[in-house]
Amino acid sequence: VADLRVSYGNIKALHGLNFQIEEGEIVCIIGANGAGKSTLLSLLAGTKTPTCGAIRTRGSISSLLELGAGFHPDLTGRENVFLSGAIMGLSRKQMSDRFDAIVAFAGIGDFIDQPVKHYSSGMYVRLGFAVAVEVDPDVLLIDEVLAVGDAEFQRKCIERMEDFRERGKTMLIISHDLPT
């Protein structure tokens, strides 16, 4: 990333930011609200475009950004799983092969055929994280949405992130919480 910048009125976020993350590295960015952490992840995920500068990535990227990002509220959990897979470039067959693991990890099997607009924030996060990790990306981007999940789900997420680390995957995590 070179001289990355996004303009919000008179605010220039990420002006002059220049960094490189090597394959297999895990980087955590900790900062206060408004520091540009979520903006950075959105740029790397491709959900926002910089007003100047360039982003170069290699490999498949999966992201868990803000709560419910990428889910259509009127679609069911099942439909959103397949939609998310399609957005990430996976075929329906690839997502079908992963579907049971996604539902099992999320722990929301009884609700998978309900529209996600009826999900609690915890259910949104569970399903979003399960999709993000089960597509087995080369790069995983995680916003601090894990703060929403209960302790058992947070433990499962940390274990899965540890598995990613052991397999040499690249992760970029943002948080307010230093221990995380």
C-alpha atoms as a PDB file:
ATOM      1  CA  VAL A   1       0.000   0.000   0.000  1.00  0.00           C
ATOM      2  CA  ALA A   2       1.504   3.290  -1.012  1.00  0.00           C
ATOM      3  CA  ASP A   3       0.337   6.771   0.063  1.00  0.00           C
ATOM      4  CA  LEU A   4      -3.141   5.467   0.653  1.00  0.00           C
ATOM      5  CA  ARG A   5      -5.821   8.037   1.312  1.00  0.00           C
ATOM      6  CA  VAL A   6      -9.591   8.269   1.536  1.00  0.00           C
ATOM      7  CA  SER A   7     -11.364  11.606   1.744  1.00  0.00           C
ATOM      8  CA  TYR A   8     -14.380  12.254   3.949  1.00  0.00           C
ATOM      9  CA  GLY A   9     -15.135  15.921   3.435  1.00  0.00           C
ATOM     10  CA  ASN A  10     -12.142  17.732   4.924  1.00  0.00           C
ATOM     11  CA  ILE A  11     -10.816  14.611   6.661  1.00  0.00           C
ATOM     12  CA  LYS A  12      -8.000  12.719   4.951  1.00  0.00           C
ATOM     13  CA  ALA A  13      -7.903   9.230   6.447  1.00  0.00           C
ATOM     14  CA  LEU A  14      -4.779   7.095   6.100  1.00  0.00           C
ATOM     15  CA  HIS A  15      -2.819   9.873   4.379  1.00  0.00           C
ATOM     16  CA  GLY A  16       0.764   8.770   3.751  1.00  0.00           C
ATOM     17  CA  LEU A  17       0.204   5.229   4.987  1.00  0.00           C
ATOM     18  CA  ASN A  18       2.640   2.815   3.419  1.00  0.00           C
ATOM     19  CA  PHE A  19       3.145  -0.762   4.581  1.00  0.00           C
ATOM     20  CA  GLN A  20       3.631  -4.326   3.451  1.00  0.00           C
ATOM     21  CA  ILE A  21       2.522  -7.539   5.109  1.00  0.00           C
ATOM     22  CA  GLU A  22       4.366 -10.684   4.102  1.00  0.00           C
ATOM     23  CA  GLU A  23       2.675 -13.995   3.440  1.00  0.00           C
ATOM     24  CA  GLY A  24       2.003 -15.834   6.697  1.00  0.00           C
ATOM     25  CA  GLU A  25       2.304 -12.755   8.913  1.00  0.00           C
ATOM     26  CA  ILE A  26      -0.283 -11.811  11.489  1.00  0.00           C
ATOM     27  CA  VAL A  27      -0.676  -8.107  12.081  1.00  0.00           C
ATOM     28  CA  CYS A  28      -2.933  -6.492  14.655  1.00  0.00           C
ATOM     29  CA  ILE A  29      -3.704  -2.808  14.498  1.00  0.00           C
ATOM     30  CA  ILE A  30      -4.886  -1.284  17.748  1.00  0.00           C
ATOM     31  CA  GLY A  31      -6.208   2.225  17.950  1.00  0.00           C
ATOM     32  CA  ALA A  32      -8.896   4.581  19.142  1.00  0.00           C
ATOM     33  CA  ASN A  33     -12.230   5.134  17.445  1.00  0.00           C
ATOM     34  CA  GLY A  34     -11.814   7.249  14.336  1.00  0.00           C
ATOM     35  CA  ALA A  35      -8.183   6.273  13.781  1.00  0.00           C
ATOM     36  CA  GLY A  36      -8.958   4.705  10.373  1.00  0.00           C
ATOM     37  CA  LYS A  37      -8.717   1.008  11.282  1.00  0.00           C
ATOM     38  CA  SER A  38     -12.040  -0.050   9.757  1.00  0.00           C
ATOM     39  CA  THR A  39     -11.439   2.196   6.759  1.00  0.00           C
ATOM     40  CA  LEU A  40      -8.132   0.420   6.163  1.00  0.00           C
ATOM     41  CA  LEU A  41      -9.765  -3.020   6.283  1.00  0.00           C
ATOM     42  CA  SER A  42     -12.549  -1.875   3.952  1.00  0.00           C
ATOM     43  CA  LEU A  43      -9.946  -0.679   1.465  1.00  0.00           C
ATOM     44  CA  LEU A  44      -8.025  -3.945   1.671  1.00  0.00           C
ATOM     45  CA  ALA A  45     -11.245  -5.956   1.303  1.00  0.00           C
ATOM     46  CA  GLY A  46     -12.205  -3.921  -1.734  1.00  0.00           C
ATOM     47  CA  THR A  47     -15.467  -2.603  -0.314  1.00  0.00           C
ATOM     48  CA  LYS A  48     -14.090   0.949  -0.540  1.00  0.00           C
ATOM     49  CA  THR A  49     -11.694   2.462  -3.030  1.00  0.00           C
ATOM     50  CA  PRO A  50      -8.927   4.915  -2.177  1.00  0.00           C
ATOM     51  CA  THR A  51      -9.090   8.453  -3.541  1.00  0.00           C
ATOM     52  CA  CYS A  52      -5.377   8.123  -4.240  1.00  0.00           C
ATOM     53  CA  GLY A  53      -2.691   5.520  -3.793  1.00  0.00           C
ATOM     54  CA  ALA A  54      -2.664   1.853  -4.630  1.00  0.00           C
ATOM     55  CA  ILE A  55      -3.421  -1.461  -2.983  1.00  0.00           C
ATOM     56  CA  ARG A  56      -1.795  -4.654  -4.152  1.00  0.00           C
ATOM     57  CA  THR A  57      -2.824  -8.002  -2.759  1.00  0.00           C
ATOM     58  CA  ARG A  58      -2.109 -11.625  -3.616  1.00  0.00           C
ATOM     59  CA  GLY A  59      -4.301 -14.616  -2.967  1.00  0.00           C
ATOM     60  CA  SER A  60      -7.890 -14.957  -1.916  1.00  0.00           C
ATOM     61  CA  ILE A  61      -9.154 -12.548   0.721  1.00  0.00           C
ATOM     62  CA  SER A  62     -11.997 -13.131   3.144  1.00  0.00           C
ATOM     63  CA  SER A  63     -13.134 -10.447   5.508  1.00  0.00           C
ATOM     64  CA  LEU A  64     -15.288 -10.039   8.543  1.00  0.00           C
ATOM     65  CA  LEU A  65     -15.813  -6.323   8.679  1.00  0.00           C
ATOM     66  CA  GLU A  66     -18.626  -4.491  10.383  1.00  0.00           C
ATOM     67  CA  LEU A  67     -21.591  -6.402  11.699  1.00  0.00           C
ATOM     68  CA  GLY A  68     -23.709  -7.783   8.876  1.00  0.00           C
ATOM     69  CA  ALA A  69     -21.532  -6.407   6.092  1.00  0.00           C
ATOM     70  CA  GLY A  70     -22.336  -8.291   2.925  1.00  0.00           C
ATOM     71  CA  PHE A  71     -25.519  -9.929   4.211  1.00  0.00           C
ATOM     72  CA  HIS A  72     -28.849  -9.034   2.643  1.00  0.00           C
ATOM     73  CA  PRO A  73     -31.366  -8.628   5.468  1.00  0.00           C
ATOM     74  CA  ASP A  74     -34.307 -10.127   3.568  1.00  0.00           C
ATOM     75  CA  LEU A  75     -32.423 -13.290   2.598  1.00  0.00           C
ATOM     76  CA  THR A  76     -32.148 -16.283   4.896  1.00  0.00           C
ATOM     77  CA  GLY A  77     -28.901 -17.330   6.503  1.00  0.00           C
ATOM     78  CA  ARG A  78     -28.659 -20.149   3.952  1.00  0.00           C
ATOM     79  CA  GLU A  79     -29.173 -17.761   1.020  1.00  0.00           C
ATOM     80  CA  ASN A  80     -26.623 -15.328   2.458  1.00  0.00           C
ATOM     81  CA  VAL A  81     -24.038 -18.105   2.801  1.00  0.00           C
ATOM     82  CA  PHE A  82     -24.333 -18.882  -0.902  1.00  0.00           C
ATOM     83  CA  LEU A  83     -24.425 -15.179  -1.829  1.00  0.00           C
ATOM     84  CA  SER A  84     -21.276 -14.538   0.204  1.00  0.00           C
ATOM     85  CA  GLY A  85     -19.542 -17.445  -1.497  1.00  0.00           C
ATOM     86  CA  ALA A  86     -20.510 -16.127  -4.928  1.00  0.00           C
ATOM     87  CA  ILE A  87     -19.183 -12.668  -4.047  1.00  0.00           C
ATOM     88  CA  MET A  88     -15.886 -14.295  -3.035  1.00  0.00           C
ATOM     89  CA  GLY A  89     -15.746 -16.161  -6.341  1.00  0.00           C
ATOM     90  CA  LEU A  90     -16.669 -19.622  -5.070  1.00  0.00           C
ATOM     91  CA  SER A  91     -19.041 -21.849  -7.009  1.00  0.00           C
ATOM     92  CA  ARG A  92     -22.339 -23.085  -5.635  1.00  0.00           C
ATOM     93  CA  LYS A  93     -20.781 -26.580  -5.442  1.00  0.00           C
ATOM     94  CA  GLN A  94     -17.831 -25.261  -3.414  1.00  0.00           C
ATOM     95  CA  MET A  95     -20.205 -23.551  -1.013  1.00  0.00           C
ATOM     96  CA  SER A  96     -22.426 -26.648  -0.829  1.00  0.00           C
ATOM     97  CA  ASP A  97     -19.351 -28.643   0.165  1.00  0.00           C
ATOM     98  CA  ARG A  98     -18.633 -26.142   2.957  1.00  0.00           C
ATOM     99  CA  PHE A  99     -22.203 -25.413   4.005  1.00  0.00           C
ATOM    100  CA  ASP A 100     -22.542 -27.961   6.837  1.00  0.00           C
ATOM    101  CA  ALA A 101     -19.216 -26.858   8.352  1.00  0.00           C
ATOM    102  CA  ILE A 102     -20.315 -23.204   8.170  1.00  0.00           C
ATOM    103  CA  VAL A 103     -23.614 -23.918   9.921  1.00  0.00           C
ATOM    104  CA  ALA A 104     -21.922 -26.129  12.522  1.00  0.00           C
ATOM    105  CA  PHE A 105     -19.272 -23.517  13.313  1.00  0.00           C
ATOM    106  CA  ALA A 106     -21.880 -20.746  13.543  1.00  0.00           C
ATOM    107  CA  GLY A 107     -24.081 -22.865  15.807  1.00  0.00           C
ATOM    108  CA  ILE A 108     -27.279 -21.396  14.380  1.00  0.00           C
ATOM    109  CA  GLY A 109     -28.713 -24.461  12.629  1.00  0.00           C
ATOM    110  CA  ASP A 110     -32.243 -23.892  13.925  1.00  0.00           C
ATOM    111  CA  PHE A 111     -32.267 -20.418  12.374  1.00  0.00           C
ATOM    112  CA  ILE A 112     -30.364 -20.920   9.109  1.00  0.00           C
ATOM    113  CA  ASP A 113     -33.571 -20.729   7.051  1.00  0.00           C
ATOM    114  CA  GLN A 114     -34.825 -17.547   8.719  1.00  0.00           C
ATOM    115  CA  PRO A 115     -34.199 -14.091   7.200  1.00  0.00           C
ATOM    116  CA  VAL A 116     -31.073 -12.611   8.792  1.00  0.00           C
ATOM    117  CA  LYS A 117     -32.962  -9.403   9.614  1.00  0.00           C
ATOM    118  CA  HIS A 118     -34.407 -11.440  12.488  1.00  0.00           C
ATOM    119  CA  TYR A 119     -30.967 -12.549  13.744  1.00  0.00           C
ATOM    120  CA  SER A 120     -29.430 -11.122  16.878  1.00  0.00           C
ATOM    121  CA  SER A 121     -26.118  -9.306  16.502  1.00  0.00           C
ATOM    122  CA  GLY A 122     -24.391 -12.402  17.911  1.00  0.00           C
ATOM    123  CA  MET A 123     -26.004 -14.634  15.280  1.00  0.00           C
ATOM    124  CA  TYR A 124     -24.879 -12.243  12.527  1.00  0.00           C
ATOM    125  CA  VAL A 125     -21.318 -12.389  13.779  1.00  0.00           C
ATOM    126  CA  ARG A 126     -21.377 -16.161  14.158  1.00  0.00           C
ATOM    127  CA  LEU A 127     -22.550 -16.681  10.594  1.00  0.00           C
ATOM    128  CA  GLY A 128     -20.248 -14.009   9.170  1.00  0.00           C
ATOM    129  CA  PHE A 129     -17.166 -15.433  10.880  1.00  0.00           C
ATOM    130  CA  ALA A 130     -18.076 -18.998   9.907  1.00  0.00           C
ATOM    131  CA  VAL A 131     -18.375 -18.031   6.236  1.00  0.00           C
ATOM    132  CA  ALA A 132     -15.164 -15.986   6.361  1.00  0.00           C
ATOM    133  CA  VAL A 133     -13.059 -18.836   7.745  1.00  0.00           C
ATOM    134  CA  GLU A 134     -14.679 -21.817   6.032  1.00  0.00           C
ATOM    135  CA  VAL A 135     -13.923 -20.474   2.550  1.00  0.00           C
ATOM    136  CA  ASP A 136     -10.262 -21.034   3.550  1.00  0.00           C
ATOM    137  CA  PRO A 137      -8.787 -17.760   2.270  1.00  0.00           C
ATOM    138  CA  ASP A 138      -5.105 -16.925   1.917  1.00  0.00           C
ATOM    139  CA  VAL A 139      -5.712 -13.635   3.756  1.00  0.00           C
ATOM    140  CA  LEU A 140      -8.212 -13.076   6.561  1.00  0.00           C
ATOM    141  CA  LEU A 141      -9.238  -9.535   7.537  1.00  0.00           C
ATOM    142  CA  ILE A 142     -11.017  -9.236  10.877  1.00  0.00           C
ATOM    143  CA  ASP A 143     -12.625  -6.130  12.335  1.00  0.00           C
ATOM    144  CA  GLU A 144     -13.379  -6.145  16.040  1.00  0.00           C
ATOM    145  CA  VAL A 145     -16.730  -7.782  15.603  1.00  0.00           C
ATOM    146  CA  LEU A 146     -15.632 -10.683  17.828  1.00  0.00           C
ATOM    147  CA  ALA A 147     -16.493  -8.509  20.812  1.00  0.00           C
ATOM    148  CA  VAL A 148     -20.155  -9.269  20.047  1.00  0.00           C
ATOM    149  CA  GLY A 149     -19.939 -13.045  20.429  1.00  0.00           C
ATOM    150  CA  ASP A 150     -20.301 -14.945  23.688  1.00  0.00           C
ATOM    151  CA  ALA A 151     -17.258 -16.393  25.463  1.00  0.00           C
ATOM    152  CA  GLU A 152     -17.633 -19.874  23.936  1.00  0.00           C
ATOM    153  CA  PHE A 153     -17.883 -18.480  20.404  1.00  0.00           C
ATOM    154  CA  GLN A 154     -14.912 -16.156  21.000  1.00  0.00           C
ATOM    155  CA  ARG A 155     -12.897 -19.212  22.095  1.00  0.00           C
ATOM    156  CA  LYS A 156     -13.858 -21.063  18.894  1.00  0.00           C
ATOM    157  CA  CYS A 157     -12.839 -18.041  16.826  1.00  0.00           C
ATOM    158  CA  ILE A 158      -9.477 -17.730  18.560  1.00  0.00           C
ATOM    159  CA  GLU A 159      -8.872 -21.455  18.015  1.00  0.00           C
ATOM    160  CA  ARG A 160      -9.688 -21.095  14.317  1.00  0.00           C
ATOM    161  CA  MET A 161      -7.402 -18.084  14.036  1.00  0.00           C
ATOM    162  CA  GLU A 162      -4.661 -20.155  15.722  1.00  0.00           C
ATOM    163  CA  ASP A 163      -5.266 -22.874  13.114  1.00  0.00           C
ATOM    164  CA  PHE A 164      -4.885 -20.244  10.372  1.00  0.00           C
ATOM    165  CA  ARG A 165      -1.618 -19.113  11.943  1.00  0.00           C
ATOM    166  CA  GLU A 166      -0.294 -22.674  12.111  1.00  0.00           C
ATOM    167  CA  ARG A 167      -1.125 -23.169   8.425  1.00  0.00           C
ATOM    168  CA  GLY A 168       0.813 -20.036   7.455  1.00  0.00           C
ATOM    169  CA  LYS A 169      -2.190 -17.908   6.542  1.00  0.00           C
ATOM    170  CA  THR A 170      -1.992 -14.135   6.593  1.00  0.00           C
ATOM    171  CA  MET A 171      -4.245 -12.214   8.994  1.00  0.00           C
ATOM    172  CA  LEU A 172      -4.857  -8.550   9.636  1.00  0.00           C
ATOM    173  CA  ILE A 173      -6.879  -7.925  12.778  1.00  0.00           C
ATOM    174  CA  ILE A 174      -8.065  -4.626  14.169  1.00  0.00           C
ATOM    175  CA  SER A 175      -9.177  -4.111  17.728  1.00  0.00           C
ATOM    176  CA  HIS A 176      -9.474  -1.743  20.657  1.00  0.00           C
ATOM    177  CA  ASP A 177      -8.556  -4.610  22.958  1.00  0.00           C
ATOM    178  CA  LEU A 178      -4.834  -5.249  23.390  1.00  0.00           C
ATOM    179  CA  PRO A 179      -5.212  -8.740  24.966  1.00  0.00           C
ATOM    180  CA  THR A 180      -7.195  -9.931  21.905  1.00  0.00           C
END
